[in-house]
Structures are given as structure tokens and as C-alpha cells.
Amino acid sequence: MAFGFQIRLPWGDPRTPRRAAVPATIDVDGRAWPLTVVRHHKARRYVLRMTDAGGLRLTVPRRASVEAGLRFVRTQGVWITREHTRRQTHATTKAAGAAVMFRGVETPMATVRAIAADELPPRCLELAALHGQTVRRVSIRNQRSRWGSCSSTGTIALNWRLVLMPAFVSDYIMLHELMHMRQPNHSRAFWREVAIVCPDWREAERWLKTHGRELL
């Protein structure tokens, strides 16, 4: 479940060469940003993300125009500046060893991560057993752009920040990953599986859309 700025755009002028030269940096509102362009055959839209190093990463659909993607990036100055500021603030807070609010109490971050390691794996295994799924291992990670992931070998990785969420939201994320063991995609069949095991998944998604970025 990844975060970033994404938008559906037309592929651009068909006369634009698809293999346009990719610059090492891109100027947005008078500032040069390191740029990486990646073409992905499964992508259906341009996706812009900021990397941990503070650069920009643009994902381009297989048949889309790179030049149109670059034009898109140049229109995202407000988002880029806001995201850069947020990441700087987050890094400063983390370096200072700040506490977080956990169940109504200001708690050191290290303590919360230890609690996550104790509480999240058993709950994930409980949900897996309830819905007939076999999980080999549940790991807790400090992921910066996703809440969870599922490998083809049956390993579930969960972001420790799930312990900061309402229970119905963290359960939804676990169930989301468990259903990927049945449907390794986001097809209609996958969402049907999710709806069966988690009827309030839409409410959980709304919560994540509203509050998720605050946690990351």
C-alpha cells in the first residue's frame, strides 16, 4: 500500500518521441531536483514520489510519453515543496528521539515499536487462521511508503505504525495483505475477497487517506 502523488493523464502528443532524453535533474519553480525516471509495464498513470534521499522518482506507463511525464512533474511544485518540508520535519523529530501519542499517552518511539513487535504478529496470525490462510512469518518493519506487504513465500511484513491506528484500520491492512495470498493483484476478484473478510474496508481506506500521512 504505497503513498505518492499520482494522476491520470493522457499519454501526451503522439508525435512526442517515447524515448525522450531523461535529465539527471529537473527544474521545478526555480529549484533543481535530482530525478529518476522508471518505465513500468504495469503502471496505468504517471506516479511522482520523493525518495528518501530527497530526489524525485517518476514512474511512466509502458506506452506513455516521458516528455509528457516531465511536464507533469513541473506542475507539481506545491506538492514537492510540501513533501520535502514534511520529510525534513520528520527527520528532525526522529533524530531528536521524540515521543508519539500512543493510546492517549505520550510514549517513546522505541517503546511503541517494541509493542508493535509484540502485538501485531499474533493478531495477523489470528486473522490468517480465522480466514483459512497459512502465513510462514510476520515481520515488523519501519517502512516509509507502505503499510504492509506480502511475499510469494507467505511472509507478511507490517509497518510498526499500525499500532498507532484504530484497531479496525490495522485489521484491514492485515486482511488486505492476507487476501493478496489469494489474489496477488488489485483486480476486482481481489477486492471481492477483501469485502468478504472486511466489510468496512472502505471506511478504513478513508481513515488512511485522511490520517495516514500524519503517521508516516
N, C-alpha and C. Protein backbone atom coordinates (compact mmCIF):
# COMPACT_ATOMS: atom_id res chain seq x y z
N MET A 1 0.85 -1.19 0.00
CA MET A 1 0.00 0.00 0.00
C MET A 1 0.89 1.26 0.00
N ALA A 2 1.33 1.75 -1.12
CA ALA A 2 2.26 2.80 -1.23
C ALA A 2 1.63 4.13 -1.30
N PHE A 3 2.47 5.30 -0.82
CA PHE A 3 2.00 6.68 -0.90
C PHE A 3 2.79 7.43 -1.94
N GLY A 4 2.20 8.45 -2.54
CA GLY A 4 2.87 9.29 -3.52
C GLY A 4 1.83 10.11 -4.24
N PHE A 5 2.26 10.96 -5.09
CA PHE A 5 1.33 11.78 -5.87
C PHE A 5 1.14 11.11 -7.20
N GLN A 6 -0.09 10.87 -7.59
CA GLN A 6 -0.35 10.24 -8.87
C GLN A 6 -1.56 10.87 -9.53
N ILE A 7 -1.57 10.80 -10.85
CA ILE A 7 -2.65 11.43 -11.59
C ILE A 7 -2.80 10.74 -12.93
N ARG A 8 -4.02 10.62 -13.37
CA ARG A 8 -4.27 10.09 -14.70
C ARG A 8 -4.10 11.23 -15.70
N LEU A 9 -3.30 11.00 -16.71
CA LEU A 9 -3.09 11.99 -17.76
C LEU A 9 -3.11 11.29 -19.10
N PRO A 10 -3.49 12.01 -20.14
CA PRO A 10 -3.35 11.43 -21.48
C PRO A 10 -1.89 11.20 -21.77
N TRP A 11 -1.60 10.32 -22.69
CA TRP A 11 -0.21 9.96 -22.97
C TRP A 11 0.55 11.10 -23.63
N GLY A 12 -0.09 12.21 -23.90
CA GLY A 12 0.60 13.35 -24.50
C GLY A 12 0.48 13.28 -26.01
N ASP A 13 1.08 14.23 -26.66
CA ASP A 13 1.07 14.31 -28.11
C ASP A 13 1.73 13.07 -28.69
N PRO A 14 1.02 12.31 -29.52
CA PRO A 14 1.60 11.08 -30.07
C PRO A 14 2.84 11.36 -30.91
N ARG A 15 3.05 12.62 -31.30
CA ARG A 15 4.24 12.93 -32.07
C ARG A 15 5.47 13.06 -31.18
N THR A 16 5.26 13.11 -29.84
CA THR A 16 6.38 13.21 -28.92
C THR A 16 7.12 11.88 -28.85
N PRO A 17 8.43 11.83 -29.07
CA PRO A 17 9.17 10.57 -29.01
C PRO A 17 9.04 9.94 -27.64
N ARG A 18 8.81 8.64 -27.60
CA ARG A 18 8.65 7.96 -26.33
C ARG A 18 9.99 7.82 -25.61
N ARG A 19 11.07 7.79 -26.32
CA ARG A 19 12.38 7.63 -25.70
C ARG A 19 13.10 8.98 -25.61
N ALA A 20 12.38 9.97 -25.08
CA ALA A 20 12.99 11.29 -24.92
C ALA A 20 14.12 11.20 -23.90
N ALA A 21 15.12 12.08 -24.07
CA ALA A 21 16.25 12.10 -23.15
C ALA A 21 15.76 12.41 -21.74
N VAL A 22 16.30 11.70 -20.77
CA VAL A 22 15.89 11.89 -19.38
C VAL A 22 16.96 12.69 -18.66
N PRO A 23 16.64 13.87 -18.15
CA PRO A 23 17.64 14.68 -17.46
C PRO A 23 17.97 14.11 -16.10
N ALA A 24 19.18 14.41 -15.60
CA ALA A 24 19.57 13.95 -14.27
C ALA A 24 18.89 14.77 -13.19
N THR A 25 18.52 16.01 -13.54
CA THR A 25 17.78 16.87 -12.62
C THR A 25 16.65 17.52 -13.39
N ILE A 26 15.68 18.04 -12.64
CA ILE A 26 14.57 18.75 -13.28
C ILE A 26 14.30 20.02 -12.49
N ASP A 27 14.09 21.12 -13.20
CA ASP A 27 13.82 22.40 -12.57
C ASP A 27 12.33 22.56 -12.33
N VAL A 28 11.98 22.75 -11.05
CA VAL A 28 10.58 22.97 -10.68
C VAL A 28 10.52 24.23 -9.83
N ASP A 29 9.87 25.23 -10.34
CA ASP A 29 9.72 26.52 -9.64
C ASP A 29 11.07 27.09 -9.20
N GLY A 30 12.05 26.98 -10.09
CA GLY A 30 13.35 27.60 -9.83
C GLY A 30 14.31 26.78 -9.00
N ARG A 31 13.96 25.55 -8.68
CA ARG A 31 14.85 24.68 -7.91
C ARG A 31 15.11 23.41 -8.68
N ALA A 32 16.37 22.98 -8.70
CA ALA A 32 16.74 21.75 -9.40
C ALA A 32 16.62 20.56 -8.46
N TRP A 33 15.90 19.54 -8.90
CA TRP A 33 15.70 18.33 -8.09
C TRP A 33 16.31 17.14 -8.82
N PRO A 34 17.08 16.30 -8.12
CA PRO A 34 17.54 15.04 -8.74
C PRO A 34 16.34 14.24 -9.21
N LEU A 35 16.47 13.65 -10.40
CA LEU A 35 15.33 12.96 -10.99
C LEU A 35 15.71 11.58 -11.49
N THR A 36 14.87 10.61 -11.17
CA THR A 36 14.98 9.26 -11.71
C THR A 36 13.67 8.94 -12.42
N VAL A 37 13.76 8.46 -13.65
CA VAL A 37 12.57 8.08 -14.41
C VAL A 37 12.59 6.58 -14.63
N VAL A 38 11.51 5.94 -14.26
CA VAL A 38 11.39 4.48 -14.38
C VAL A 38 10.15 4.16 -15.20
N ARG A 39 10.30 3.37 -16.23
CA ARG A 39 9.13 2.93 -17.01
C ARG A 39 8.68 1.57 -16.47
N HIS A 40 7.40 1.47 -16.17
CA HIS A 40 6.86 0.24 -15.58
C HIS A 40 5.73 -0.28 -16.44
N HIS A 41 5.82 -1.53 -16.84
CA HIS A 41 4.84 -2.06 -17.80
C HIS A 41 3.45 -2.22 -17.20
N LYS A 42 3.34 -2.24 -15.85
CA LYS A 42 2.03 -2.39 -15.23
C LYS A 42 1.42 -1.05 -14.81
N ALA A 43 2.20 0.00 -14.88
CA ALA A 43 1.69 1.32 -14.46
C ALA A 43 0.60 1.80 -15.42
N ARG A 44 -0.41 2.44 -14.87
CA ARG A 44 -1.52 2.95 -15.69
C ARG A 44 -1.61 4.47 -15.64
N ARG A 45 -0.72 5.10 -14.88
CA ARG A 45 -0.71 6.55 -14.76
C ARG A 45 0.70 6.99 -14.37
N TYR A 46 0.95 8.26 -14.55
CA TYR A 46 2.20 8.82 -14.06
C TYR A 46 2.15 8.87 -12.53
N VAL A 47 3.23 8.45 -11.87
CA VAL A 47 3.29 8.48 -10.42
C VAL A 47 4.57 9.21 -10.01
N LEU A 48 4.43 10.24 -9.20
CA LEU A 48 5.58 11.01 -8.72
C LEU A 48 5.76 10.77 -7.23
N ARG A 49 6.97 10.39 -6.85
CA ARG A 49 7.30 10.18 -5.44
C ARG A 49 8.59 10.90 -5.11
N MET A 50 8.75 11.19 -3.84
CA MET A 50 10.02 11.73 -3.37
C MET A 50 10.79 10.60 -2.70
N THR A 51 12.06 10.45 -3.03
CA THR A 51 12.88 9.38 -2.47
C THR A 51 13.38 9.76 -1.09
N ASP A 52 13.90 8.77 -0.37
CA ASP A 52 14.45 9.04 0.96
C ASP A 52 15.63 10.00 0.89
N ALA A 53 16.32 10.01 -0.25
CA ALA A 53 17.47 10.89 -0.42
C ALA A 53 17.06 12.31 -0.80
N GLY A 54 15.78 12.55 -1.00
CA GLY A 54 15.31 13.89 -1.32
C GLY A 54 15.21 14.19 -2.80
N GLY A 55 15.33 13.17 -3.64
CA GLY A 55 15.15 13.35 -5.06
C GLY A 55 13.74 12.99 -5.48
N LEU A 56 13.48 13.08 -6.78
CA LEU A 56 12.17 12.74 -7.32
C LEU A 56 12.26 11.47 -8.15
N ARG A 57 11.22 10.66 -8.07
CA ARG A 57 11.15 9.42 -8.86
C ARG A 57 9.84 9.43 -9.63
N LEU A 58 9.93 9.42 -10.93
CA LEU A 58 8.75 9.44 -11.80
C LEU A 58 8.58 8.07 -12.45
N THR A 59 7.43 7.46 -12.23
CA THR A 59 7.10 6.20 -12.88
C THR A 59 6.24 6.51 -14.10
N VAL A 60 6.64 5.96 -15.24
CA VAL A 60 5.98 6.23 -16.51
C VAL A 60 5.36 4.94 -17.06
N PRO A 61 4.09 4.96 -17.43
CA PRO A 61 3.48 3.76 -18.03
C PRO A 61 4.21 3.35 -19.30
N ARG A 62 4.06 2.09 -19.66
CA ARG A 62 4.83 1.49 -20.75
C ARG A 62 4.69 2.26 -22.05
N ARG A 63 3.51 2.68 -22.41
CA ARG A 63 3.29 3.34 -23.69
C ARG A 63 3.16 4.86 -23.58
N ALA A 64 3.50 5.39 -22.43
CA ALA A 64 3.33 6.83 -22.22
C ALA A 64 4.58 7.60 -22.66
N SER A 65 4.38 8.88 -22.85
CA SER A 65 5.46 9.77 -23.25
C SER A 65 6.24 10.24 -22.04
N VAL A 66 7.56 10.06 -22.07
CA VAL A 66 8.41 10.56 -20.99
C VAL A 66 8.33 12.08 -20.93
N GLU A 67 8.34 12.73 -22.07
CA GLU A 67 8.30 14.18 -22.10
C GLU A 67 7.01 14.71 -21.44
N ALA A 68 5.89 14.03 -21.68
CA ALA A 68 4.64 14.43 -21.02
C ALA A 68 4.76 14.24 -19.52
N GLY A 69 5.45 13.18 -19.11
CA GLY A 69 5.68 12.96 -17.68
C GLY A 69 6.51 14.07 -17.06
N LEU A 70 7.51 14.55 -17.78
CA LEU A 70 8.34 15.64 -17.28
C LEU A 70 7.53 16.92 -17.14
N ARG A 71 6.64 17.14 -18.10
CA ARG A 71 5.77 18.31 -18.00
C ARG A 71 4.88 18.21 -16.76
N PHE A 72 4.39 17.01 -16.49
CA PHE A 72 3.57 16.77 -15.30
C PHE A 72 4.35 17.11 -14.03
N VAL A 73 5.61 16.65 -13.95
CA VAL A 73 6.43 16.91 -12.77
C VAL A 73 6.58 18.41 -12.54
N ARG A 74 6.77 19.15 -13.61
CA ARG A 74 6.99 20.60 -13.48
C ARG A 74 5.75 21.35 -12.97
N THR A 75 4.59 20.69 -13.00
CA THR A 75 3.38 21.34 -12.48
C THR A 75 3.15 21.05 -10.99
N GLN A 76 4.02 20.23 -10.40
CA GLN A 76 3.78 19.75 -9.03
C GLN A 76 4.64 20.45 -7.98
N GLY A 77 4.98 21.71 -8.23
CA GLY A 77 5.84 22.44 -7.31
C GLY A 77 5.30 22.52 -5.89
N VAL A 78 3.99 22.77 -5.76
CA VAL A 78 3.41 22.88 -4.42
C VAL A 78 3.54 21.57 -3.66
N TRP A 79 3.19 20.45 -4.32
CA TRP A 79 3.29 19.14 -3.65
C TRP A 79 4.74 18.82 -3.31
N ILE A 80 5.66 19.08 -4.22
CA ILE A 80 7.07 18.76 -3.99
C ILE A 80 7.61 19.53 -2.79
N THR A 81 7.32 20.82 -2.72
CA THR A 81 7.80 21.63 -1.61
C THR A 81 7.19 21.15 -0.29
N ARG A 82 5.89 20.87 -0.30
CA ARG A 82 5.24 20.40 0.92
C ARG A 82 5.81 19.07 1.39
N GLU A 83 6.01 18.15 0.45
CA GLU A 83 6.54 16.84 0.80
C GLU A 83 7.97 16.93 1.31
N HIS A 84 8.77 17.79 0.68
CA HIS A 84 10.15 17.97 1.13
C HIS A 84 10.19 18.52 2.55
N THR A 85 9.34 19.50 2.83
CA THR A 85 9.29 20.09 4.18
C THR A 85 8.83 19.06 5.19
N ARG A 86 7.83 18.28 4.83
CA ARG A 86 7.34 17.24 5.75
C ARG A 86 8.42 16.25 6.10
N ARG A 87 9.18 15.83 5.10
CA ARG A 87 10.24 14.85 5.34
C ARG A 87 11.35 15.44 6.19
N GLN A 88 11.70 16.69 5.98
CA GLN A 88 12.71 17.32 6.80
C GLN A 88 12.27 17.41 8.25
N THR A 89 11.01 17.78 8.46
CA THR A 89 10.47 17.86 9.81
C THR A 89 10.47 16.50 10.48
N HIS A 90 10.07 15.49 9.71
CA HIS A 90 10.04 14.12 10.23
C HIS A 90 11.44 13.66 10.64
N ALA A 91 12.43 13.95 9.80
CA ALA A 91 13.81 13.54 10.09
C ALA A 91 14.33 14.23 11.34
N THR A 92 14.01 15.51 11.50
CA THR A 92 14.46 16.26 12.67
C THR A 92 13.83 15.71 13.94
N THR A 93 12.54 15.43 13.86
CA THR A 93 11.83 14.88 15.01
C THR A 93 12.38 13.51 15.39
N LYS A 94 12.63 12.68 14.38
CA LYS A 94 13.15 11.35 14.64
C LYS A 94 14.53 11.41 15.27
N ALA A 95 15.38 12.33 14.75
CA ALA A 95 16.73 12.46 15.29
C ALA A 95 16.70 12.90 16.74
N ALA A 96 15.69 13.68 17.10
CA ALA A 96 15.58 14.17 18.47
C ALA A 96 15.01 13.11 19.42
N GLY A 97 14.63 11.97 18.86
CA GLY A 97 14.09 10.90 19.69
C GLY A 97 12.73 11.24 20.28
N ALA A 98 11.92 11.95 19.51
CA ALA A 98 10.63 12.41 20.01
C ALA A 98 9.70 11.25 20.34
N ALA A 99 8.77 11.55 21.21
CA ALA A 99 7.76 10.56 21.57
C ALA A 99 6.58 10.69 20.62
N VAL A 100 5.69 9.71 20.65
CA VAL A 100 4.46 9.74 19.86
C VAL A 100 3.30 9.49 20.80
N MET A 101 2.12 9.91 20.38
CA MET A 101 0.93 9.64 21.17
C MET A 101 0.48 8.21 20.89
N PHE A 102 0.44 7.41 21.94
CA PHE A 102 0.05 6.01 21.81
C PHE A 102 -1.03 5.72 22.84
N ARG A 103 -2.25 5.49 22.35
CA ARG A 103 -3.40 5.21 23.20
C ARG A 103 -3.57 6.28 24.27
N GLY A 104 -3.44 7.53 23.81
CA GLY A 104 -3.69 8.66 24.67
C GLY A 104 -2.55 9.07 25.58
N VAL A 105 -1.40 8.40 25.46
CA VAL A 105 -0.27 8.70 26.33
C VAL A 105 0.97 8.97 25.48
N GLU A 106 1.73 10.01 25.82
CA GLU A 106 2.97 10.28 25.09
C GLU A 106 3.98 9.20 25.44
N THR A 107 4.43 8.47 24.42
CA THR A 107 5.26 7.29 24.63
C THR A 107 6.49 7.35 23.74
N PRO A 108 7.68 6.98 24.26
CA PRO A 108 8.88 6.97 23.42
C PRO A 108 8.68 6.09 22.20
N MET A 109 9.22 6.52 21.06
CA MET A 109 9.02 5.79 19.82
C MET A 109 9.56 4.36 19.91
N ALA A 110 10.71 4.20 20.57
CA ALA A 110 11.31 2.87 20.69
C ALA A 110 10.38 1.92 21.44
N THR A 111 9.70 2.44 22.45
CA THR A 111 8.77 1.62 23.23
C THR A 111 7.60 1.17 22.36
N VAL A 112 7.06 2.11 21.55
CA VAL A 112 5.93 1.78 20.68
C VAL A 112 6.33 0.71 19.69
N ARG A 113 7.53 0.81 19.11
CA ARG A 113 7.97 -0.20 18.15
C ARG A 113 8.10 -1.57 18.81
N ALA A 114 8.52 -1.61 20.05
CA ALA A 114 8.60 -2.88 20.78
C ALA A 114 7.20 -3.46 21.00
N ILE A 115 6.26 -2.59 21.32
CA ILE A 115 4.88 -3.03 21.49
C ILE A 115 4.34 -3.59 20.18
N ALA A 116 4.66 -2.90 19.07
CA ALA A 116 4.21 -3.38 17.76
C ALA A 116 4.73 -4.78 17.48
N ALA A 117 5.99 -5.03 17.82
CA ALA A 117 6.59 -6.35 17.59
C ALA A 117 5.91 -7.42 18.43
N ASP A 118 5.37 -7.04 19.59
CA ASP A 118 4.69 -7.99 20.47
C ASP A 118 3.24 -8.23 20.06
N GLU A 119 2.57 -7.18 19.57
CA GLU A 119 1.13 -7.27 19.35
C GLU A 119 0.71 -7.59 17.92
N LEU A 120 1.42 -7.04 16.94
CA LEU A 120 0.94 -7.18 15.56
C LEU A 120 1.07 -8.59 14.99
N PRO A 121 2.21 -9.28 15.16
CA PRO A 121 2.29 -10.63 14.58
C PRO A 121 1.22 -11.59 15.09
N PRO A 122 0.97 -11.66 16.40
CA PRO A 122 -0.09 -12.57 16.86
C PRO A 122 -1.47 -12.23 16.28
N ARG A 123 -1.76 -10.93 16.15
CA ARG A 123 -3.05 -10.56 15.59
C ARG A 123 -3.15 -10.95 14.12
N CYS A 124 -2.07 -10.78 13.38
CA CYS A 124 -2.07 -11.16 11.97
C CYS A 124 -2.26 -12.67 11.81
N LEU A 125 -1.58 -13.44 12.64
CA LEU A 125 -1.71 -14.90 12.59
C LEU A 125 -3.13 -15.33 12.99
N GLU A 126 -3.71 -14.61 13.93
CA GLU A 126 -5.09 -14.90 14.35
C GLU A 126 -6.06 -14.67 13.19
N LEU A 127 -5.90 -13.55 12.48
CA LEU A 127 -6.76 -13.27 11.34
C LEU A 127 -6.53 -14.27 10.21
N ALA A 128 -5.27 -14.67 10.03
CA ALA A 128 -4.96 -15.66 8.99
C ALA A 128 -5.67 -16.98 9.28
N ALA A 129 -5.60 -17.44 10.51
CA ALA A 129 -6.25 -18.70 10.88
C ALA A 129 -7.76 -18.60 10.74
N LEU A 130 -8.30 -17.43 11.10
CA LEU A 130 -9.75 -17.23 11.02
C LEU A 130 -10.25 -17.37 9.59
N HIS A 131 -9.42 -16.97 8.63
CA HIS A 131 -9.84 -16.97 7.23
C HIS A 131 -9.12 -18.03 6.39
N GLY A 132 -8.57 -19.02 7.06
CA GLY A 132 -8.01 -20.17 6.35
C GLY A 132 -6.74 -19.91 5.58
N GLN A 133 -5.92 -18.94 6.02
CA GLN A 133 -4.66 -18.65 5.35
C GLN A 133 -3.49 -19.12 6.19
N THR A 134 -2.46 -19.60 5.55
CA THR A 134 -1.25 -20.04 6.23
C THR A 134 -0.15 -19.03 5.99
N VAL A 135 0.37 -18.47 7.08
CA VAL A 135 1.44 -17.47 6.99
C VAL A 135 2.71 -18.07 7.58
N ARG A 136 3.78 -17.97 6.84
CA ARG A 136 5.06 -18.53 7.31
C ARG A 136 5.70 -17.67 8.38
N ARG A 137 5.62 -16.34 8.19
CA ARG A 137 6.28 -15.45 9.13
C ARG A 137 5.67 -14.05 9.01
N VAL A 138 5.62 -13.35 10.14
CA VAL A 138 5.18 -11.96 10.15
C VAL A 138 6.32 -11.12 10.69
N SER A 139 6.77 -10.17 9.90
CA SER A 139 7.87 -9.30 10.34
C SER A 139 7.34 -7.88 10.52
N ILE A 140 8.00 -7.12 11.39
CA ILE A 140 7.63 -5.74 11.67
C ILE A 140 8.76 -4.86 11.14
N ARG A 141 8.39 -3.87 10.33
CA ARG A 141 9.40 -3.03 9.67
C ARG A 141 9.08 -1.55 9.85
N ASN A 142 10.08 -0.75 9.56
CA ASN A 142 9.93 0.71 9.61
C ASN A 142 9.80 1.23 8.19
N GLN A 143 8.71 0.86 7.53
CA GLN A 143 8.51 1.23 6.13
C GLN A 143 8.08 2.68 6.03
N ARG A 144 8.58 3.36 5.00
CA ARG A 144 8.30 4.78 4.83
C ARG A 144 7.21 5.07 3.81
N SER A 145 6.85 4.07 3.03
CA SER A 145 5.89 4.35 1.96
C SER A 145 4.78 3.31 1.84
N ARG A 146 4.73 2.37 2.75
CA ARG A 146 3.66 1.37 2.68
C ARG A 146 3.33 0.87 4.08
N TRP A 147 2.10 0.38 4.21
CA TRP A 147 1.65 -0.13 5.50
C TRP A 147 1.93 -1.62 5.67
N GLY A 148 2.02 -2.32 4.57
CA GLY A 148 2.28 -3.75 4.66
C GLY A 148 2.60 -4.32 3.30
N SER A 149 3.08 -5.55 3.30
CA SER A 149 3.38 -6.24 2.05
C SER A 149 3.29 -7.74 2.28
N CYS A 150 3.14 -8.46 1.18
CA CYS A 150 3.02 -9.92 1.23
C CYS A 150 3.92 -10.52 0.18
N SER A 151 4.76 -11.47 0.55
CA SER A 151 5.64 -12.10 -0.41
C SER A 151 5.01 -13.37 -0.96
N SER A 152 5.56 -13.85 -2.06
CA SER A 152 5.04 -15.07 -2.68
C SER A 152 5.32 -16.31 -1.83
N THR A 153 6.22 -16.16 -0.86
CA THR A 153 6.55 -17.30 0.01
C THR A 153 5.71 -17.34 1.27
N GLY A 154 4.75 -16.42 1.40
CA GLY A 154 3.87 -16.45 2.56
C GLY A 154 4.34 -15.64 3.75
N THR A 155 5.23 -14.68 3.51
CA THR A 155 5.71 -13.80 4.57
C THR A 155 4.97 -12.46 4.51
N ILE A 156 4.45 -12.03 5.64
CA ILE A 156 3.76 -10.75 5.74
C ILE A 156 4.68 -9.76 6.46
N ALA A 157 4.87 -8.59 5.89
CA ALA A 157 5.62 -7.52 6.54
C ALA A 157 4.65 -6.41 6.89
N LEU A 158 4.70 -5.93 8.13
CA LEU A 158 3.80 -4.90 8.61
C LEU A 158 4.57 -3.70 9.12
N ASN A 159 4.06 -2.53 8.84
CA ASN A 159 4.64 -1.29 9.36
C ASN A 159 4.33 -1.19 10.85
N TRP A 160 5.33 -0.89 11.68
CA TRP A 160 5.09 -0.82 13.13
C TRP A 160 4.04 0.22 13.50
N ARG A 161 3.81 1.19 12.62
CA ARG A 161 2.86 2.26 12.92
C ARG A 161 1.41 1.79 12.95
N LEU A 162 1.17 0.54 12.57
CA LEU A 162 -0.19 0.01 12.66
C LEU A 162 -0.71 0.07 14.10
N VAL A 163 0.20 0.02 15.10
CA VAL A 163 -0.27 0.07 16.49
C VAL A 163 -0.79 1.45 16.86
N LEU A 164 -0.52 2.46 16.03
CA LEU A 164 -1.00 3.81 16.29
C LEU A 164 -2.38 4.06 15.70
N MET A 165 -2.90 3.10 14.97
CA MET A 165 -4.18 3.24 14.27
C MET A 165 -5.32 2.62 15.08
N PRO A 166 -6.56 3.00 14.76
CA PRO A 166 -7.70 2.27 15.32
C PRO A 166 -7.61 0.80 14.91
N ALA A 167 -8.11 -0.06 15.75
CA ALA A 167 -7.98 -1.50 15.51
C ALA A 167 -8.61 -1.92 14.19
N PHE A 168 -9.75 -1.31 13.82
CA PHE A 168 -10.41 -1.74 12.58
C PHE A 168 -9.56 -1.38 11.35
N VAL A 169 -8.73 -0.34 11.47
CA VAL A 169 -7.87 0.04 10.35
C VAL A 169 -6.67 -0.89 10.25
N SER A 170 -6.03 -1.17 11.37
CA SER A 170 -4.88 -2.09 11.33
C SER A 170 -5.32 -3.50 10.92
N ASP A 171 -6.50 -3.91 11.36
CA ASP A 171 -7.03 -5.22 10.94
C ASP A 171 -7.25 -5.24 9.42
N TYR A 172 -7.78 -4.14 8.90
CA TYR A 172 -8.00 -4.06 7.45
C TYR A 172 -6.69 -4.22 6.69
N ILE A 173 -5.65 -3.56 7.14
CA ILE A 173 -4.36 -3.67 6.45
C ILE A 173 -3.85 -5.10 6.47
N MET A 174 -3.98 -5.76 7.61
CA MET A 174 -3.55 -7.16 7.68
C MET A 174 -4.38 -8.04 6.75
N LEU A 175 -5.69 -7.83 6.76
CA LEU A 175 -6.55 -8.62 5.89
C LEU A 175 -6.28 -8.33 4.42
N HIS A 176 -5.98 -7.09 4.12
CA HIS A 176 -5.62 -6.71 2.75
C HIS A 176 -4.43 -7.54 2.28
N GLU A 177 -3.40 -7.63 3.11
CA GLU A 177 -2.22 -8.40 2.72
C GLU A 177 -2.52 -9.90 2.68
N LEU A 178 -3.34 -10.37 3.59
CA LEU A 178 -3.70 -11.79 3.59
C LEU A 178 -4.46 -12.17 2.33
N MET A 179 -5.32 -11.28 1.86
CA MET A 179 -6.06 -11.58 0.64
C MET A 179 -5.17 -11.56 -0.59
N HIS A 180 -4.04 -10.89 -0.50
CA HIS A 180 -3.08 -10.94 -1.61
C HIS A 180 -2.48 -12.34 -1.75
N MET A 181 -2.57 -13.15 -0.72
CA MET A 181 -2.11 -14.52 -0.83
C MET A 181 -3.05 -15.33 -1.71
N ARG A 182 -4.30 -14.85 -1.85
CA ARG A 182 -5.26 -15.49 -2.75
C ARG A 182 -5.25 -14.84 -4.12
N GLN A 183 -5.12 -13.53 -4.11
CA GLN A 183 -5.15 -12.75 -5.36
C GLN A 183 -3.97 -11.78 -5.34
N PRO A 184 -2.84 -12.11 -5.97
CA PRO A 184 -1.65 -11.27 -5.91
C PRO A 184 -1.74 -10.07 -6.85
N ASN A 185 -2.81 -9.31 -6.72
CA ASN A 185 -3.05 -8.17 -7.61
C ASN A 185 -4.12 -7.30 -6.96
N HIS A 186 -4.59 -6.29 -7.68
CA HIS A 186 -5.69 -5.47 -7.19
C HIS A 186 -6.86 -5.54 -8.17
N SER A 187 -7.15 -6.73 -8.60
CA SER A 187 -8.25 -6.97 -9.53
C SER A 187 -9.59 -6.89 -8.79
N ARG A 188 -10.67 -6.96 -9.57
CA ARG A 188 -11.99 -6.99 -8.95
C ARG A 188 -12.15 -8.20 -8.05
N ALA A 189 -11.54 -9.31 -8.47
CA ALA A 189 -11.62 -10.53 -7.65
C ALA A 189 -10.95 -10.31 -6.29
N PHE A 190 -9.83 -9.58 -6.31
CA PHE A 190 -9.15 -9.29 -5.04
C PHE A 190 -10.05 -8.48 -4.13
N TRP A 191 -10.65 -7.41 -4.65
CA TRP A 191 -11.48 -6.55 -3.80
C TRP A 191 -12.74 -7.27 -3.33
N ARG A 192 -13.21 -8.23 -4.11
CA ARG A 192 -14.33 -9.05 -3.63
C ARG A 192 -13.91 -9.87 -2.42
N GLU A 193 -12.71 -10.42 -2.46
CA GLU A 193 -12.18 -11.17 -1.32
C GLU A 193 -12.07 -10.27 -0.09
N VAL A 194 -11.56 -9.05 -0.30
CA VAL A 194 -11.41 -8.11 0.80
C VAL A 194 -12.76 -7.76 1.41
N ALA A 195 -13.75 -7.50 0.56
CA ALA A 195 -15.07 -7.12 1.04
C ALA A 195 -15.72 -8.22 1.88
N ILE A 196 -15.42 -9.48 1.56
CA ILE A 196 -16.00 -10.60 2.30
C ILE A 196 -15.43 -10.66 3.71
N VAL A 197 -14.10 -10.51 3.83
CA VAL A 197 -13.46 -10.65 5.14
C VAL A 197 -13.44 -9.34 5.93
N CYS A 198 -13.63 -8.21 5.23
CA CYS A 198 -13.56 -6.90 5.89
C CYS A 198 -14.63 -5.98 5.30
N PRO A 199 -15.88 -6.12 5.73
CA PRO A 199 -16.97 -5.34 5.14
C PRO A 199 -16.79 -3.82 5.26
N ASP A 200 -16.04 -3.36 6.27
CA ASP A 200 -15.86 -1.92 6.45
C ASP A 200 -14.54 -1.42 5.87
N TRP A 201 -14.05 -2.09 4.83
CA TRP A 201 -12.75 -1.72 4.27
C TRP A 201 -12.75 -0.31 3.69
N ARG A 202 -13.88 0.13 3.16
CA ARG A 202 -13.93 1.48 2.59
C ARG A 202 -13.76 2.54 3.67
N GLU A 203 -14.35 2.30 4.83
CA GLU A 203 -14.19 3.24 5.95
C GLU A 203 -12.73 3.28 6.40
N ALA A 204 -12.09 2.11 6.41
CA ALA A 204 -10.67 2.05 6.77
C ALA A 204 -9.82 2.80 5.76
N GLU A 205 -10.12 2.66 4.49
CA GLU A 205 -9.39 3.39 3.46
C GLU A 205 -9.56 4.89 3.62
N ARG A 206 -10.77 5.33 3.98
CA ARG A 206 -10.99 6.76 4.19
C ARG A 206 -10.16 7.27 5.37
N TRP A 207 -10.07 6.46 6.41
CA TRP A 207 -9.26 6.86 7.57
C TRP A 207 -7.80 7.00 7.17
N LEU A 208 -7.30 6.05 6.40
CA LEU A 208 -5.91 6.10 5.96
C LEU A 208 -5.65 7.31 5.07
N LYS A 209 -6.59 7.62 4.20
CA LYS A 209 -6.43 8.77 3.31
C LYS A 209 -6.38 10.07 4.09
N THR A 210 -7.16 10.13 5.19
CA THR A 210 -7.21 11.35 6.00
C THR A 210 -6.06 11.47 6.98
N HIS A 211 -5.68 10.35 7.61
CA HIS A 211 -4.72 10.41 8.72
C HIS A 211 -3.40 9.69 8.45
N GLY A 212 -3.35 8.89 7.40
CA GLY A 212 -2.16 8.07 7.18
C GLY A 212 -0.87 8.85 7.06
N ARG A 213 -0.89 9.94 6.32
CA ARG A 213 0.34 10.71 6.12
C ARG A 213 0.87 11.29 7.42
N GLU A 214 -0.01 11.58 8.36
CA GLU A 214 0.43 12.10 9.65
C GLU A 214 1.31 11.08 10.37
N LEU A 215 1.01 9.81 10.22
CA LEU A 215 1.76 8.76 10.90
C LEU A 215 3.12 8.52 10.25
N LEU A 216 3.18 8.67 8.93
CA LEU A 216 4.45 8.45 8.25
C LEU A 216 5.38 9.64 8.40
